[in-house]
Structure formats: C-alpha cells, structure tokens
C-alpha cells in the first residue's frame, strides 16, 4: 500500500504536472509536453512500482507474515 501511494505521487502525479505544464526555475525552463507527458509519467510509474514490488518480493519478508 505504501509503495503504491509513494510511487503514484513521486513518479506519476508530480512528473505529469511538471512535464505536462512546464516549469521555470531560475535559468532552467522546461516547456510543457501536454498529454504525452502524462503517458510518459504513467509508464515511468508503472516500471518503478514493478521494481519496488520485485525488491520487496526478493527480500522474502513476506514469507513470515502470519494471516
């Protein structure tokens, strides 16, 4: 649950906004890419979430949780 919430915020919502609308931070100017940015951010978030879950699975702590 935490992995999903954090990855959605950090790798889907924030990058979609920044890449979609653009950003200006001092000398750095990034032009917005519109809807394409949302699709790129969704792809980034999907792969990072998969990597996080793979890492959690490989650690093996899930084997010892009692239900």
N, C-alpha and C. Protein backbone atom coordinates (compact mmCIF):
# COMPACT_ATOMS: atom_id res chain seq x y z
N UNK A 1 0.82 -1.18 0.00
CA UNK A 1 0.00 0.00 0.00
C UNK A 1 0.88 1.26 0.00
N UNK A 2 1.90 1.25 0.83
CA UNK A 2 2.78 2.43 0.89
C UNK A 2 3.57 2.60 -0.40
N UNK A 3 4.01 1.49 -0.97
CA UNK A 3 4.77 1.56 -2.22
C UNK A 3 3.92 2.19 -3.32
N UNK A 4 2.67 1.77 -3.41
CA UNK A 4 1.78 2.29 -4.44
C UNK A 4 1.52 3.78 -4.25
N UNK A 5 1.24 4.19 -3.03
CA UNK A 5 0.95 5.61 -2.76
C UNK A 5 2.15 6.49 -3.05
N UNK A 6 3.32 6.07 -2.61
CA UNK A 6 4.52 6.87 -2.81
C UNK A 6 4.91 6.92 -4.29
N UNK A 7 4.82 5.78 -4.97
CA UNK A 7 5.21 5.79 -6.38
C UNK A 7 4.22 6.58 -7.24
N UNK A 8 2.94 6.55 -6.88
CA UNK A 8 1.97 7.36 -7.64
C UNK A 8 2.27 8.83 -7.49
N UNK A 9 2.58 9.26 -6.26
CA UNK A 9 2.85 10.67 -6.02
C UNK A 9 4.16 11.10 -6.67
N UNK A 10 5.23 10.35 -6.41
CA UNK A 10 6.55 10.78 -6.88
C UNK A 10 6.82 10.51 -8.35
N UNK A 11 6.21 9.47 -8.91
CA UNK A 11 6.56 9.09 -10.28
C UNK A 11 5.42 9.22 -11.28
N UNK A 12 4.21 9.62 -10.84
CA UNK A 12 3.12 9.81 -11.79
C UNK A 12 2.54 11.22 -11.70
N UNK A 13 2.10 11.64 -10.54
CA UNK A 13 1.39 12.92 -10.41
C UNK A 13 2.34 14.10 -10.60
N UNK A 14 3.41 14.13 -9.84
CA UNK A 14 4.34 15.26 -9.92
C UNK A 14 5.01 15.36 -11.29
N UNK A 15 5.58 14.27 -11.83
CA UNK A 15 6.16 14.39 -13.18
C UNK A 15 5.13 14.75 -14.26
N UNK A 16 3.90 14.24 -14.13
CA UNK A 16 2.87 14.60 -15.11
C UNK A 16 2.61 16.09 -15.10
N UNK A 17 2.53 16.65 -13.92
CA UNK A 17 2.27 18.09 -13.81
C UNK A 17 3.45 18.90 -14.35
N UNK A 18 4.65 18.55 -13.91
CA UNK A 18 5.84 19.32 -14.33
C UNK A 18 6.07 19.20 -15.83
N UNK A 19 6.02 17.97 -16.35
CA UNK A 19 6.26 17.79 -17.78
C UNK A 19 5.08 18.23 -18.63
N UNK A 20 3.88 18.12 -18.10
CA UNK A 20 2.69 18.49 -18.87
C UNK A 20 2.52 19.99 -19.04
N UNK A 21 2.71 20.74 -17.95
CA UNK A 21 2.52 22.19 -17.99
C UNK A 21 3.81 22.97 -18.13
N UNK A 22 4.92 22.33 -17.87
CA UNK A 22 6.21 23.01 -17.93
C UNK A 22 6.56 23.62 -16.59
N UNK A 23 7.81 24.06 -16.47
CA UNK A 23 8.28 24.64 -15.22
C UNK A 23 9.43 25.60 -15.52
N UNK A 24 9.51 26.64 -14.72
CA UNK A 24 10.62 27.60 -14.82
C UNK A 24 11.22 27.77 -13.44
N UNK A 25 12.44 27.35 -13.29
CA UNK A 25 13.17 27.51 -12.04
C UNK A 25 14.46 28.25 -12.32
N UNK A 26 14.44 29.55 -12.17
CA UNK A 26 15.62 30.35 -12.45
C UNK A 26 16.02 30.22 -13.91
N UNK A 27 17.26 29.77 -14.17
CA UNK A 27 17.70 29.64 -15.56
C UNK A 27 17.17 28.39 -16.27
N UNK A 28 16.50 27.51 -15.54
CA UNK A 28 16.01 26.27 -16.14
C UNK A 28 14.56 26.46 -16.57
N UNK A 29 14.31 26.25 -17.85
CA UNK A 29 12.96 26.36 -18.39
C UNK A 29 12.63 25.07 -19.14
N UNK A 30 11.56 24.39 -18.70
CA UNK A 30 11.11 23.17 -19.36
C UNK A 30 9.75 23.47 -19.97
N UNK A 31 9.66 23.31 -21.28
CA UNK A 31 8.40 23.54 -21.97
C UNK A 31 7.46 22.36 -21.75
N UNK A 32 6.18 22.64 -21.55
CA UNK A 32 5.19 21.59 -21.32
C UNK A 32 4.98 20.72 -22.55
N UNK A 33 4.74 19.43 -22.32
CA UNK A 33 4.54 18.49 -23.42
C UNK A 33 3.09 18.04 -23.53
N UNK A 34 2.22 18.53 -22.67
CA UNK A 34 0.81 18.19 -22.74
C UNK A 34 0.50 16.77 -22.32
N UNK A 35 -0.42 16.15 -23.03
CA UNK A 35 -0.91 14.82 -22.68
C UNK A 35 0.17 13.75 -22.81
N UNK A 36 1.09 13.94 -23.71
CA UNK A 36 2.18 12.97 -23.89
C UNK A 36 2.95 12.81 -22.57
N UNK A 37 3.11 13.89 -21.84
CA UNK A 37 3.82 13.83 -20.56
C UNK A 37 3.11 12.92 -19.57
N UNK A 38 1.79 12.95 -19.56
CA UNK A 38 1.04 12.08 -18.66
C UNK A 38 1.29 10.61 -18.99
N UNK A 39 1.32 10.28 -20.26
CA UNK A 39 1.58 8.90 -20.66
C UNK A 39 3.01 8.49 -20.30
N UNK A 40 3.96 9.38 -20.49
CA UNK A 40 5.34 9.06 -20.12
C UNK A 40 5.48 8.87 -18.61
N UNK A 41 4.82 9.73 -17.84
CA UNK A 41 4.88 9.61 -16.39
C UNK A 41 4.20 8.33 -15.92
N UNK A 42 3.09 7.94 -16.57
CA UNK A 42 2.42 6.70 -16.21
C UNK A 42 3.32 5.50 -16.48
N UNK A 43 4.03 5.53 -17.59
CA UNK A 43 4.96 4.46 -17.91
C UNK A 43 6.09 4.39 -16.88
N UNK A 44 6.65 5.55 -16.54
CA UNK A 44 7.70 5.62 -15.53
C UNK A 44 7.20 5.06 -14.21
N UNK A 45 6.01 5.45 -13.79
CA UNK A 45 5.46 4.99 -12.51
C UNK A 45 5.21 3.49 -12.52
N UNK A 46 4.73 2.95 -13.61
CA UNK A 46 4.46 1.52 -13.69
C UNK A 46 5.74 0.71 -13.53
N UNK A 47 6.79 1.12 -14.20
CA UNK A 47 8.06 0.40 -14.11
C UNK A 47 8.70 0.55 -12.73
N UNK A 48 8.64 1.73 -12.14
CA UNK A 48 9.24 1.91 -10.81
C UNK A 48 8.46 1.14 -9.76
N UNK A 49 7.14 1.10 -9.87
CA UNK A 49 6.34 0.31 -8.93
C UNK A 49 6.68 -1.17 -9.06
N UNK A 50 6.82 -1.64 -10.28
CA UNK A 50 7.20 -3.04 -10.50
C UNK A 50 8.56 -3.34 -9.88
N UNK A 51 9.50 -2.42 -10.03
CA UNK A 51 10.82 -2.63 -9.43
C UNK A 51 10.74 -2.65 -7.90
N UNK A 52 9.95 -1.76 -7.31
CA UNK A 52 9.79 -1.76 -5.85
C UNK A 52 9.18 -3.06 -5.36
N UNK A 53 8.12 -3.53 -6.03
CA UNK A 53 7.49 -4.77 -5.61
C UNK A 53 8.41 -5.97 -5.82
N UNK A 54 9.19 -5.96 -6.87
CA UNK A 54 10.16 -7.03 -7.10
C UNK A 54 11.19 -7.05 -5.97
N UNK A 55 11.66 -5.87 -5.57
CA UNK A 55 12.64 -5.76 -4.49
C UNK A 55 12.05 -6.28 -3.17
N UNK A 56 10.80 -5.92 -2.89
CA UNK A 56 10.13 -6.39 -1.68
C UNK A 56 9.98 -7.91 -1.72
N UNK A 57 9.60 -8.43 -2.88
CA UNK A 57 9.45 -9.88 -3.03
C UNK A 57 10.78 -10.60 -2.82
N UNK A 58 11.85 -10.07 -3.39
CA UNK A 58 13.17 -10.71 -3.29
C UNK A 58 13.70 -10.69 -1.85
N UNK A 59 13.31 -9.70 -1.06
CA UNK A 59 13.76 -9.65 0.34
C UNK A 59 13.21 -10.83 1.12
N UNK A 60 12.01 -11.32 0.77
CA UNK A 60 11.47 -12.52 1.38
C UNK A 60 10.79 -12.35 2.72
N UNK A 61 10.62 -11.13 3.21
CA UNK A 61 9.96 -10.94 4.50
C UNK A 61 8.49 -11.34 4.46
N UNK A 62 7.92 -11.38 3.28
CA UNK A 62 6.51 -11.73 3.15
C UNK A 62 6.24 -13.17 3.56
N UNK A 63 7.29 -14.00 3.55
CA UNK A 63 7.11 -15.42 3.88
C UNK A 63 6.77 -15.63 5.36
N UNK A 64 7.13 -14.67 6.18
CA UNK A 64 6.99 -14.84 7.63
C UNK A 64 5.81 -14.07 8.22
N UNK A 65 4.99 -13.47 7.40
CA UNK A 65 3.81 -12.75 7.90
C UNK A 65 2.69 -13.75 8.15
N UNK A 66 2.12 -13.69 9.37
CA UNK A 66 1.02 -14.60 9.71
C UNK A 66 -0.30 -13.90 9.44
N UNK A 67 -1.19 -14.63 8.81
CA UNK A 67 -2.51 -14.07 8.48
C UNK A 67 -3.54 -14.61 9.43
